[in-house]
Protein backbone atom coordinates (compact mmCIF):
# COMPACT_ATOMS: atom_id res chain seq x y z
CA UNK A 1 165.36 133.72 170.44
CA UNK A 2 164.63 136.42 168.27
CA UNK A 3 167.38 139.08 169.52
CA UNK A 4 169.93 136.37 169.18
CA UNK A 5 169.42 135.64 165.78
CA UNK A 6 169.01 139.42 164.57
CA UNK A 7 172.46 139.47 165.88
CA UNK A 8 173.49 136.51 164.41
CA UNK A 9 172.04 137.67 161.15
CA UNK A 10 174.99 140.43 161.84
CA UNK A 11 177.46 138.69 162.74
CA UNK A 12 177.40 136.01 159.96
CA UNK A 13 176.08 137.90 156.61
CA UNK A 14 179.97 138.89 155.25
CA UNK A 15 181.20 135.13 155.95
CA UNK A 16 177.83 132.71 155.00
CA UNK A 17 175.47 135.50 152.61
CA UNK A 18 172.80 136.76 152.50
CA UNK A 19 170.46 133.72 150.89
CA UNK A 20 172.12 131.19 153.38
CA UNK A 21 171.70 133.07 156.27
CA UNK A 22 167.71 133.75 154.92
CA UNK A 23 167.41 129.76 154.20
CA UNK A 24 168.47 128.98 157.42
CA UNK A 25 166.10 131.43 159.10
CA UNK A 26 163.95 129.65 157.61
CA UNK A 27 164.31 126.31 158.40
CA UNK A 28 164.81 127.04 162.27
CA UNK A 29 161.21 128.66 162.16
CA UNK A 30 160.14 125.48 159.80
CA UNK A 31 161.39 123.15 162.84
CA UNK A 32 160.27 125.28 165.47
CA UNK A 33 156.83 125.70 164.37
CA UNK A 34 156.52 121.32 163.59
CA UNK A 35 157.71 121.10 166.65
CA UNK A 36 155.20 123.31 168.51
CA UNK A 37 152.94 121.48 166.85
CA UNK A 38 153.37 118.32 168.84
CA UNK A 39 152.69 120.42 171.98
CA UNK A 40 150.30 118.51 174.85
CA UNK A 41 148.23 118.67 177.83
CA UNK A 42 151.08 118.80 180.65
CA UNK A 43 154.31 119.56 178.14
CA UNK A 44 155.62 121.83 180.69
CA UNK A 45 157.04 125.73 179.88
CA UNK A 46 161.06 124.39 179.46
CA UNK A 47 159.55 122.35 175.96
CA UNK A 48 157.49 125.52 175.11
CA UNK A 49 160.14 127.89 175.78
CA UNK A 50 162.63 125.83 173.45
CA UNK A 51 160.20 125.59 170.13
CA UNK A 52 159.80 129.47 170.87
CA UNK A 53 162.61 130.02 170.96
CA UNK A 54 164.23 128.38 167.93
CA UNK A 55 161.51 130.13 165.78
CA UNK A 56 162.25 132.75 167.04
CA UNK A 57 165.80 133.08 166.32
CA UNK A 58 164.77 131.72 162.90
CA UNK A 59 162.69 135.01 162.94
CA UNK A 60 165.93 136.96 163.56
CA UNK A 61 167.60 135.12 161.12
CA UNK A 62 165.66 135.76 158.16
CA UNK A 63 163.72 139.08 158.29
CA UNK A 64 165.77 141.91 158.93
CA UNK A 65 168.26 140.45 155.78
CA UNK A 66 165.33 139.28 153.89
CA UNK A 67 163.62 142.91 154.22
CA UNK A 68 167.04 144.57 153.30
CA UNK A 69 167.21 143.07 149.99
CA UNK A 70 163.40 143.68 149.05
CA UNK A 71 165.15 146.81 149.65
CA UNK A 72 168.12 146.29 147.99
CA UNK A 73 166.51 145.85 144.81
CA UNK A 74 165.50 149.15 144.68
CA UNK A 75 166.95 152.25 142.69
CA UNK A 76 167.79 155.03 145.41
CA UNK A 77 165.33 157.01 144.23
CA UNK A 78 161.78 155.08 144.25
CA UNK A 79 163.39 153.88 147.93
CA UNK A 80 160.47 155.59 149.27
CA UNK A 81 157.56 154.03 147.07
CA UNK A 82 158.95 150.65 147.73
CA UNK A 83 159.40 150.90 151.59
CA UNK A 84 155.36 152.25 150.87
CA UNK A 85 154.62 149.31 149.40
CA UNK A 86 156.27 146.61 151.68
CA UNK A 87 155.19 148.26 154.29
CA UNK A 88 150.96 147.45 152.76
CA UNK A 89 152.50 143.87 151.78
CA UNK A 90 153.13 142.87 155.50
CA UNK A 91 149.25 144.55 156.61
CA UNK A 92 147.60 142.50 154.64
CA UNK A 93 149.48 140.02 154.73
CA UNK A 94 149.14 139.93 158.62
CA UNK A 95 145.69 140.42 158.34
CA UNK A 96 145.11 137.56 155.55
CA UNK A 97 146.91 135.36 158.31
CA UNK A 98 145.53 136.12 160.91
CA UNK A 99 142.03 135.50 159.42
CA UNK A 100 143.87 132.05 157.76
CA UNK A 101 145.07 131.01 161.05
CA UNK A 102 142.05 131.62 162.93
CA UNK A 103 139.36 129.95 160.35
CA UNK A 104 142.15 126.75 160.65
CA UNK A 105 142.73 127.14 164.53
CA UNK A 106 138.67 127.30 165.40
CA UNK A 107 137.69 124.78 162.27
CA UNK A 108 139.95 122.00 163.92
CA UNK A 109 138.35 122.89 167.77
CA UNK A 110 134.89 122.31 166.62
CA UNK A 111 135.81 119.28 164.59
CA UNK A 112 137.69 117.90 167.89
CA UNK A 113 135.22 119.08 170.63
CA UNK A 114 133.08 116.45 172.59
CA UNK A 115 129.26 118.30 173.20
CA UNK A 116 127.65 114.48 173.63
CA UNK A 117 124.49 115.29 175.93
CA UNK A 118 124.94 119.17 175.85
CA UNK A 119 121.92 121.24 175.54
CA UNK A 120 121.53 123.02 172.39
CA UNK A 121 122.63 126.56 173.77
CA UNK A 122 125.52 124.97 176.27
CA UNK A 123 126.81 122.80 172.98
CA UNK A 124 126.80 126.42 171.28
CA UNK A 125 128.93 127.95 173.66
CA UNK A 126 131.15 125.22 173.44
CA UNK A 127 131.60 125.32 169.84
CA UNK A 128 131.97 129.44 169.81
CA UNK A 129 135.35 129.55 171.63
CA UNK A 130 137.86 127.20 173.70
CA UNK A 131 137.11 130.10 176.83
CA UNK A 132 133.41 129.65 176.65
CA UNK A 133 133.87 125.70 176.79
CA UNK A 134 136.53 126.21 179.53
CA UNK A 135 133.94 128.93 181.13
CA UNK A 136 131.10 126.12 181.10
CA UNK A 137 133.06 123.67 182.07
CA UNK A 138 134.22 125.02 184.99
CA UNK A 139 130.29 126.45 185.94
CA UNK A 140 129.52 122.76 185.40
CA UNK A 141 132.15 120.96 187.25
CA UNK A 142 132.37 118.71 184.63
CA UNK A 143 135.83 117.50 184.11
CA UNK A 144 135.43 115.52 180.99
CA UNK A 145 134.06 118.56 179.52
CA UNK A 146 137.43 120.72 180.37
CA UNK A 147 139.27 117.43 179.00
CA UNK A 148 137.81 117.61 176.08
CA UNK A 149 137.85 121.39 175.48
CA UNK A 150 141.89 121.71 176.18
CA UNK A 151 142.32 118.39 173.90
CA UNK A 152 140.22 120.17 170.98
CA UNK A 153 142.00 123.57 171.49
CA UNK A 154 145.66 122.27 171.22
CA UNK A 155 144.36 119.80 168.09
CA UNK A 156 143.48 123.78 166.73
CA UNK A 157 146.96 124.80 168.03
CA UNK A 158 148.79 122.79 166.30
CA UNK A 159 146.94 122.08 163.10
CA UNK A 160 147.20 126.06 162.94
CA UNK A 161 151.47 125.21 163.71
CA UNK A 162 151.49 123.75 160.83
CA UNK A 163 150.04 125.77 158.45
CA UNK A 164 152.21 128.31 159.94
CA UNK A 165 155.41 125.49 158.90
CA UNK A 166 154.19 124.93 155.75
CA UNK A 167 154.31 128.78 154.92
CA UNK A 168 157.74 129.30 156.30
CA UNK A 169 159.32 125.87 154.18
CA UNK A 170 157.59 127.38 150.96
CA UNK A 171 159.65 130.46 152.36
CA UNK A 172 162.98 128.82 152.85
CA UNK A 173 162.19 126.94 149.17
CA UNK A 174 161.63 129.91 147.16
CA UNK A 175 164.31 131.61 148.34
CA UNK A 176 166.94 129.17 148.07
CA UNK A 177 165.36 128.72 144.33
CA UNK A 178 164.35 132.30 143.42
CA UNK A 179 166.73 134.77 145.02
CA UNK A 180 169.26 135.58 142.21
CA UNK A 181 172.68 134.82 143.46
CA UNK A 182 173.71 138.61 142.05
CA UNK A 183 170.53 140.06 143.74
CA UNK A 184 171.98 138.49 146.69
CA UNK A 185 175.84 139.52 146.58
CA UNK A 186 174.62 143.05 145.79
CA UNK A 187 172.41 142.78 148.84
CA UNK A 188 175.93 141.49 151.21
CA UNK A 189 177.87 144.78 149.83
CA UNK A 190 174.72 146.87 150.56
CA UNK A 191 175.00 145.69 154.17
CA UNK A 192 178.80 145.44 154.83
CA UNK A 193 178.76 148.94 153.27
CA UNK A 194 176.24 150.11 155.76
CA UNK A 195 177.95 148.48 159.14
CA UNK A 196 181.35 150.74 158.15
CA UNK A 197 182.01 153.02 160.63
CA UNK A 198 181.27 156.50 159.07
């Protein structure tokens, strides 16, 4: 999906414009993430592959063009500084994203998993991570605990994907409302010029 999105973006940017493709890319990511949030036990590989492909398609459409738009608004003599700031923001965003999404998944998992009847150490192990819970369930032969751990982890993953979908929906809205048409035209021209053979 990602590779297809990148190739499609390169071919469609002249006809549709950068802003339209960025909005479409974020929209596809939102749809893919929301579908992924409905994943249930036994969903099967085709279902997971389908929503991940949609998400990857949207990412391939939006990300390269969004980066070019961001860099296109920076004067040539300050391109190095701009690229450095952009890289710093990407690293900071990645770090914060991992923290927020990890906390979301863990909080939902801990709220859903059933530790009734377990000893305090075993309950703590189950609540610590899904991997620990799965290991304990298999070592004790408890099918009910294993089912609870799996369902709780899926609930946590679903909550995490909904948060991601909210972020991508916000990105689509901001691109649609805030990205100036003039700036988008300039980015289109710059990208088209880069694509022309020397």
